[in-house]
Amino acid sequence: MLPPTQSSKAAPRNSDRPELASWFGSFYSVLVFIFFYAPIVVIILFAFSDRAIPGLPLGNFTLKWFAEAIGDPSLMESLWLSTWVAFVTAILACSIGLPAAMVLAWRGFRGKTLVFALILSPIIIPQMVTGISLLLLFRQAPQLMGSIGIIIAHTTLTLCFAVMIFYSRLLGFRKSYIEAAMDLGASELRVFFEIILPLTMPAIVAVVLLVFTESFGEFIVAWFVSGFNETLPIAIWTSLRFMLSPKINAIATIILLVTMTLSVAAQLWMLRQMRKTGDMER
């Protein structure tokens, strides 16, 4: 047995270990957040600096880069193209992903594992390979090159996310609601629009936000199939080949602020809807 003096001395050392681990964990978390968000802060700061070439030290406060970015026809055309392509892609991903997830979650059939593997394959396959394969495919139908080709490509890339989000939502879905509505004489179409759709609305909002963001910022595949059209990421890449214009920082700041506002609003709405759904299931 250890003498009392030795055991009493060892106790404080052991008690200091959790405090040291907690301090190290907090310090590491701060470093991670700085690593992720420091570039975003730098972009915002450069957008309000009057220096033509972004750099430190910052210049005087100005809003002229925002005015020039909004007044640039080519940049606004690229922004509009990216916006409506992302919107159509989100609608298509929801329209295809929800019925597919309903079949996967509620129906048993042979080859389900293979179907899951095919759905998840766009995540595994490198985007450069996907872009080259779609380019070779669209050569047989050149009229698809451009915005239509980008929508097809982005729907292919993001459909896996939509299906998996809907699938996880539908696994916890109480089918007794559907059975009760059918017993009361409701048609399948009415059950879908009045029961399934409202209860899956948080998942739909999540899919729309995720797919829209992924499509809006996707560059590699869009570069292969865009033809003569330029999405915003392609326009930024073209600008980077020569010089990083402060207008890019300004438009990136606008997009960032709008995206953060929509994201926070959507998160608050989804939390409210999930609470309502939980109250209904109780």
Protein backbone atom coordinates (compact mmCIF):
# COMPACT_ATOMS: atom_id res chain seq x y z
CA MET A 1 0.00 0.00 0.00
CA LEU A 2 1.12 3.55 -0.71
CA PRO A 3 1.76 5.89 2.16
CA PRO A 4 -0.98 8.45 2.79
CA THR A 5 1.27 11.30 1.77
CA GLN A 6 1.90 9.79 -1.64
CA SER A 7 -1.79 9.11 -2.39
CA SER A 8 -2.74 12.63 -1.34
CA LYS A 9 -0.10 14.06 -3.68
CA ALA A 10 -1.25 11.93 -6.63
CA ALA A 11 -4.88 13.04 -6.38
CA PRO A 12 -4.38 16.66 -7.49
CA ARG A 13 -2.41 15.49 -10.54
CA ASN A 14 -5.30 13.29 -11.69
CA SER A 15 -7.81 16.07 -11.08
CA ASP A 16 -5.77 18.44 -13.25
CA ARG A 17 -5.96 16.15 -16.29
CA PRO A 18 -9.65 16.77 -17.16
CA GLU A 19 -9.13 20.52 -16.82
CA LEU A 20 -6.08 20.36 -19.12
CA ALA A 21 -7.98 18.23 -21.66
CA SER A 22 -10.92 20.65 -21.60
CA TRP A 23 -8.60 23.61 -22.15
CA PHE A 24 -6.85 21.86 -25.03
CA GLY A 25 -10.20 20.91 -26.61
CA SER A 26 -11.44 24.49 -26.42
CA PHE A 27 -8.19 25.81 -27.90
CA TYR A 28 -8.35 23.28 -30.74
CA SER A 29 -12.00 24.17 -31.47
CA VAL A 30 -11.11 27.85 -31.71
CA LEU A 31 -8.31 27.04 -34.18
CA VAL A 32 -10.69 25.02 -36.32
CA PHE A 33 -13.24 27.84 -36.44
CA ILE A 34 -10.50 30.35 -37.30
CA PHE A 35 -9.28 28.05 -40.10
CA PHE A 36 -12.77 27.80 -41.58
CA TYR A 37 -14.04 31.37 -41.17
CA ALA A 38 -10.91 33.52 -41.48
CA PRO A 39 -10.97 33.42 -45.33
CA ILE A 40 -14.62 34.51 -45.29
CA VAL A 41 -13.83 37.44 -43.01
CA VAL A 42 -10.91 38.42 -45.28
CA ILE A 43 -13.17 38.44 -48.36
CA ILE A 44 -15.69 40.68 -46.59
CA LEU A 45 -12.97 43.09 -45.45
CA PHE A 46 -11.45 43.32 -48.94
CA ALA A 47 -14.90 44.01 -50.42
CA PHE A 48 -15.09 47.27 -48.43
CA SER A 49 -11.50 48.35 -49.12
CA ASP A 50 -10.82 50.91 -51.84
CA ARG A 51 -7.60 49.20 -52.96
CA ALA A 52 -7.79 47.97 -56.57
CA ILE A 53 -5.52 45.04 -55.73
CA PRO A 54 -6.74 43.30 -52.56
CA GLY A 55 -4.12 43.15 -49.86
CA LEU A 56 -2.98 44.35 -46.47
CA PRO A 57 -3.06 46.93 -45.05
CA LEU A 58 -6.69 47.67 -45.88
CA GLY A 59 -7.59 50.88 -47.67
CA ASN A 60 -10.34 53.34 -46.92
CA PHE A 61 -13.95 52.20 -46.55
CA THR A 62 -15.85 52.20 -49.85
CA LEU A 63 -18.93 50.74 -51.52
CA LYS A 64 -17.82 51.32 -55.11
CA TRP A 65 -16.95 47.66 -55.72
CA PHE A 66 -20.54 46.69 -54.95
CA ALA A 67 -21.81 49.28 -57.42
CA GLU A 68 -19.37 48.09 -60.09
CA ALA A 69 -20.27 44.44 -59.48
CA ILE A 70 -24.01 45.14 -59.81
CA GLY A 71 -23.35 47.28 -62.88
CA ASP A 72 -21.26 44.59 -64.62
CA PRO A 73 -23.56 42.93 -67.21
CA SER A 74 -21.42 39.79 -67.68
CA LEU A 75 -21.09 39.22 -63.94
CA MET A 76 -24.81 39.70 -63.36
CA GLU A 77 -25.59 37.35 -66.25
CA SER A 78 -23.37 34.69 -64.70
CA LEU A 79 -25.00 35.24 -61.31
CA TRP A 80 -28.48 34.94 -62.79
CA LEU A 81 -27.53 31.78 -64.69
CA SER A 82 -26.12 30.14 -61.55
CA THR A 83 -29.20 31.16 -59.56
CA TRP A 84 -31.87 29.79 -61.87
CA VAL A 85 -29.86 26.66 -62.71
CA ALA A 86 -29.51 25.94 -58.98
CA PHE A 87 -33.22 26.61 -58.43
CA VAL A 88 -34.32 24.25 -61.23
CA THR A 89 -31.85 21.63 -60.03
CA ALA A 90 -33.29 21.81 -56.51
CA ILE A 91 -36.85 21.40 -57.84
CA LEU A 92 -35.85 18.40 -59.97
CA ALA A 93 -33.89 16.78 -57.15
CA CYS A 94 -36.91 17.07 -54.83
CA SER A 95 -39.36 15.87 -57.49
CA ILE A 96 -37.29 12.79 -58.29
CA GLY A 97 -35.78 12.14 -54.88
CA LEU A 98 -38.97 12.05 -52.80
CA PRO A 99 -40.77 9.31 -54.81
CA ALA A 100 -37.54 7.31 -55.01
CA ALA A 101 -37.05 7.56 -51.25
CA MET A 102 -40.67 6.50 -50.66
CA VAL A 103 -40.10 3.33 -52.67
CA LEU A 104 -36.79 2.59 -50.93
CA ALA A 105 -38.17 3.22 -47.44
CA TRP A 106 -41.57 1.57 -47.73
CA ARG A 107 -41.17 -1.15 -50.32
CA GLY A 108 -39.13 -4.33 -50.18
CA PHE A 109 -37.72 -5.65 -53.44
CA ARG A 110 -34.76 -7.55 -54.74
CA GLY A 111 -31.69 -5.58 -55.60
CA LYS A 112 -32.30 -2.74 -53.13
CA THR A 113 -28.63 -2.78 -52.12
CA LEU A 114 -27.62 -2.40 -55.76
CA VAL A 115 -30.04 0.50 -56.19
CA PHE A 116 -28.56 2.22 -53.13
CA ALA A 117 -25.06 1.73 -54.55
CA LEU A 118 -26.09 3.28 -57.87
CA ILE A 119 -27.73 6.24 -56.13
CA LEU A 120 -24.64 6.91 -54.00
CA SER A 121 -22.17 6.43 -56.87
CA PRO A 122 -21.97 10.16 -57.78
CA ILE A 123 -20.43 10.77 -54.33
CA ILE A 124 -17.71 8.18 -54.94
CA ILE A 125 -16.94 8.92 -58.60
CA PRO A 126 -14.54 11.89 -59.04
CA GLN A 127 -16.28 14.93 -60.48
CA MET A 128 -13.71 15.21 -63.24
CA VAL A 129 -14.61 11.71 -64.43
CA THR A 130 -18.30 12.63 -64.29
CA GLY A 131 -17.66 15.81 -66.26
CA ILE A 132 -15.70 14.03 -68.98
CA SER A 133 -18.30 11.28 -69.30
CA LEU A 134 -21.13 13.82 -69.60
CA LEU A 135 -19.13 15.80 -72.16
CA LEU A 136 -18.72 12.68 -74.29
CA LEU A 137 -22.43 11.93 -73.90
CA PHE A 138 -23.55 15.43 -74.83
CA ARG A 139 -21.42 15.33 -77.97
CA GLN A 140 -24.10 13.03 -79.35
CA ALA A 141 -26.66 15.75 -78.60
CA PRO A 142 -24.86 19.13 -78.85
CA GLN A 143 -28.09 21.04 -78.23
CA LEU A 144 -27.91 19.91 -74.60
CA MET A 145 -24.61 21.74 -74.04
CA GLY A 146 -25.11 24.87 -71.98
CA SER A 147 -27.63 25.59 -69.25
CA ILE A 148 -29.68 22.43 -69.94
CA GLY A 149 -26.55 20.30 -69.70
CA ILE A 150 -25.56 21.95 -66.42
CA ILE A 151 -29.02 21.25 -64.96
CA ILE A 152 -28.83 17.59 -66.01
CA ALA A 153 -25.32 17.27 -64.59
CA HIS A 154 -26.13 18.96 -61.29
CA THR A 155 -29.32 16.94 -60.87
CA THR A 156 -27.28 13.78 -61.36
CA LEU A 157 -24.72 14.93 -58.78
CA THR A 158 -27.16 16.08 -56.11
CA LEU A 159 -29.91 13.49 -56.44
CA CYS A 160 -28.07 11.18 -54.04
CA PHE A 161 -28.22 13.81 -51.28
CA ALA A 162 -31.93 14.34 -51.84
CA VAL A 163 -32.75 10.63 -51.77
CA MET A 164 -30.78 9.97 -48.58
CA ILE A 165 -32.29 12.94 -46.71
CA PHE A 166 -35.82 11.92 -47.70
CA TYR A 167 -35.05 8.29 -46.93
CA SER A 168 -33.89 9.09 -43.39
CA ARG A 169 -37.03 11.19 -42.85
CA LEU A 170 -39.43 8.55 -44.19
CA LEU A 171 -37.92 5.75 -42.09
CA GLY A 172 -39.35 7.40 -38.96
CA PHE A 173 -42.66 8.15 -40.66
CA ARG A 174 -45.76 6.65 -39.03
CA LYS A 175 -47.61 4.82 -41.78
CA SER A 176 -50.65 4.57 -39.50
CA TYR A 177 -51.53 8.15 -40.57
CA ILE A 178 -51.72 7.01 -44.18
CA GLU A 179 -53.70 3.89 -43.31
CA ALA A 180 -56.18 5.90 -41.23
CA ALA A 181 -56.68 8.41 -44.05
CA MET A 182 -57.17 5.65 -46.60
CA ASP A 183 -59.71 3.93 -44.33
CA LEU A 184 -61.64 7.21 -44.16
CA GLY A 185 -61.89 7.29 -47.93
CA ALA A 186 -59.05 9.64 -48.87
CA SER A 187 -57.49 9.08 -52.29
CA GLU A 188 -53.78 8.40 -52.70
CA LEU A 189 -53.29 11.84 -54.22
CA ARG A 190 -55.01 13.54 -51.29
CA VAL A 191 -52.99 11.50 -48.79
CA PHE A 192 -49.79 12.58 -50.52
CA PHE A 193 -50.61 16.29 -50.53
CA GLU A 194 -52.31 16.54 -47.12
CA ILE A 195 -50.32 14.04 -45.02
CA ILE A 196 -47.03 12.96 -46.58
CA LEU A 197 -46.02 16.32 -48.02
CA PRO A 198 -46.64 18.43 -44.85
CA LEU A 199 -44.85 15.92 -42.61
CA THR A 200 -41.84 15.77 -44.93
CA MET A 201 -41.68 19.56 -45.40
CA PRO A 202 -38.62 20.02 -43.10
CA ALA A 203 -36.76 17.47 -45.20
CA ILE A 204 -37.89 19.21 -48.40
CA VAL A 205 -36.55 22.55 -47.15
CA ALA A 206 -33.27 20.88 -46.15
CA VAL A 207 -32.94 19.27 -49.59
CA VAL A 208 -33.69 22.54 -51.39
CA LEU A 209 -31.08 24.44 -49.38
CA LEU A 210 -28.42 21.74 -49.75
CA VAL A 211 -28.99 21.11 -53.46
CA PHE A 212 -29.25 24.82 -54.28
CA THR A 213 -25.99 25.56 -52.48
CA GLU A 214 -24.19 22.60 -54.05
CA SER A 215 -25.38 23.46 -57.55
CA PHE A 216 -24.72 27.18 -57.17
CA GLY A 217 -21.06 26.68 -56.26
CA GLU A 218 -20.23 23.64 -58.41
CA PHE A 219 -17.46 24.30 -60.92
CA ILE A 220 -15.74 21.17 -62.26
CA VAL A 221 -18.65 19.40 -63.98
CA ALA A 222 -20.23 22.69 -65.09
CA TRP A 223 -16.98 23.68 -66.78
CA PHE A 224 -17.14 20.58 -69.00
CA VAL A 225 -20.78 20.90 -70.09
CA SER A 226 -21.43 24.67 -70.00
CA GLY A 227 -20.48 25.32 -73.60
CA PHE A 228 -20.34 29.07 -74.17
CA ASN A 229 -22.32 29.85 -71.01
CA GLU A 230 -20.61 30.97 -67.81
CA THR A 231 -21.91 30.27 -64.35
CA LEU A 232 -20.64 32.44 -61.51
CA PRO A 233 -17.91 29.95 -60.43
CA ILE A 234 -16.66 29.79 -64.03
CA ALA A 235 -16.69 33.58 -64.27
CA ILE A 236 -14.70 33.84 -61.03
CA TRP A 237 -12.20 31.26 -62.26
CA THR A 238 -11.81 33.18 -65.52
CA SER A 239 -11.16 36.36 -63.53
CA LEU A 240 -8.58 34.60 -61.36
CA ARG A 241 -6.56 33.67 -64.44
CA PHE A 242 -5.72 37.35 -64.91
CA MET A 243 -6.32 39.26 -61.68
CA LEU A 244 -8.62 38.95 -58.68
CA SER A 245 -10.99 41.86 -59.11
CA PRO A 246 -12.45 43.46 -55.99
CA LYS A 247 -15.84 43.08 -57.71
CA ILE A 248 -15.57 39.35 -57.05
CA ASN A 249 -15.14 40.04 -53.34
CA ALA A 250 -18.18 42.32 -53.41
CA ILE A 251 -20.46 39.82 -55.15
CA ALA A 252 -19.18 37.05 -52.87
CA THR A 253 -20.06 39.18 -49.83
CA ILE A 254 -23.59 39.78 -51.13
CA ILE A 255 -24.09 36.07 -51.78
CA LEU A 256 -22.69 35.20 -48.36
CA LEU A 257 -25.01 37.59 -46.51
CA VAL A 258 -28.09 36.45 -48.47
CA THR A 259 -27.20 32.78 -47.97
CA MET A 260 -26.64 33.17 -44.24
CA THR A 261 -29.93 35.04 -43.84
CA LEU A 262 -31.88 32.39 -45.74
CA SER A 263 -30.11 29.59 -43.88
CA VAL A 264 -30.89 31.03 -40.45
CA ALA A 265 -34.52 31.68 -41.44
CA ALA A 266 -34.87 28.14 -42.80
CA GLN A 267 -33.31 26.61 -39.70
CA LEU A 268 -35.71 28.48 -37.43
CA TRP A 269 -38.67 27.45 -39.61
CA MET A 270 -37.58 23.78 -39.67
CA LEU A 271 -37.18 23.71 -35.89
CA ARG A 272 -40.70 25.11 -35.52
CA GLN A 273 -42.08 22.54 -37.97
CA MET A 274 -40.27 19.66 -36.24
CA ARG A 275 -41.75 20.74 -32.90
CA LYS A 276 -45.22 20.79 -34.44
CA THR A 277 -44.64 17.35 -35.95
CA GLY A 278 -43.44 16.02 -32.62
CA ASP A 279 -46.52 17.38 -30.89
CA MET A 280 -48.74 15.71 -33.50
CA GLU A 281 -47.02 12.34 -33.09
CA ARG A 282 -47.47 12.50 -29.32
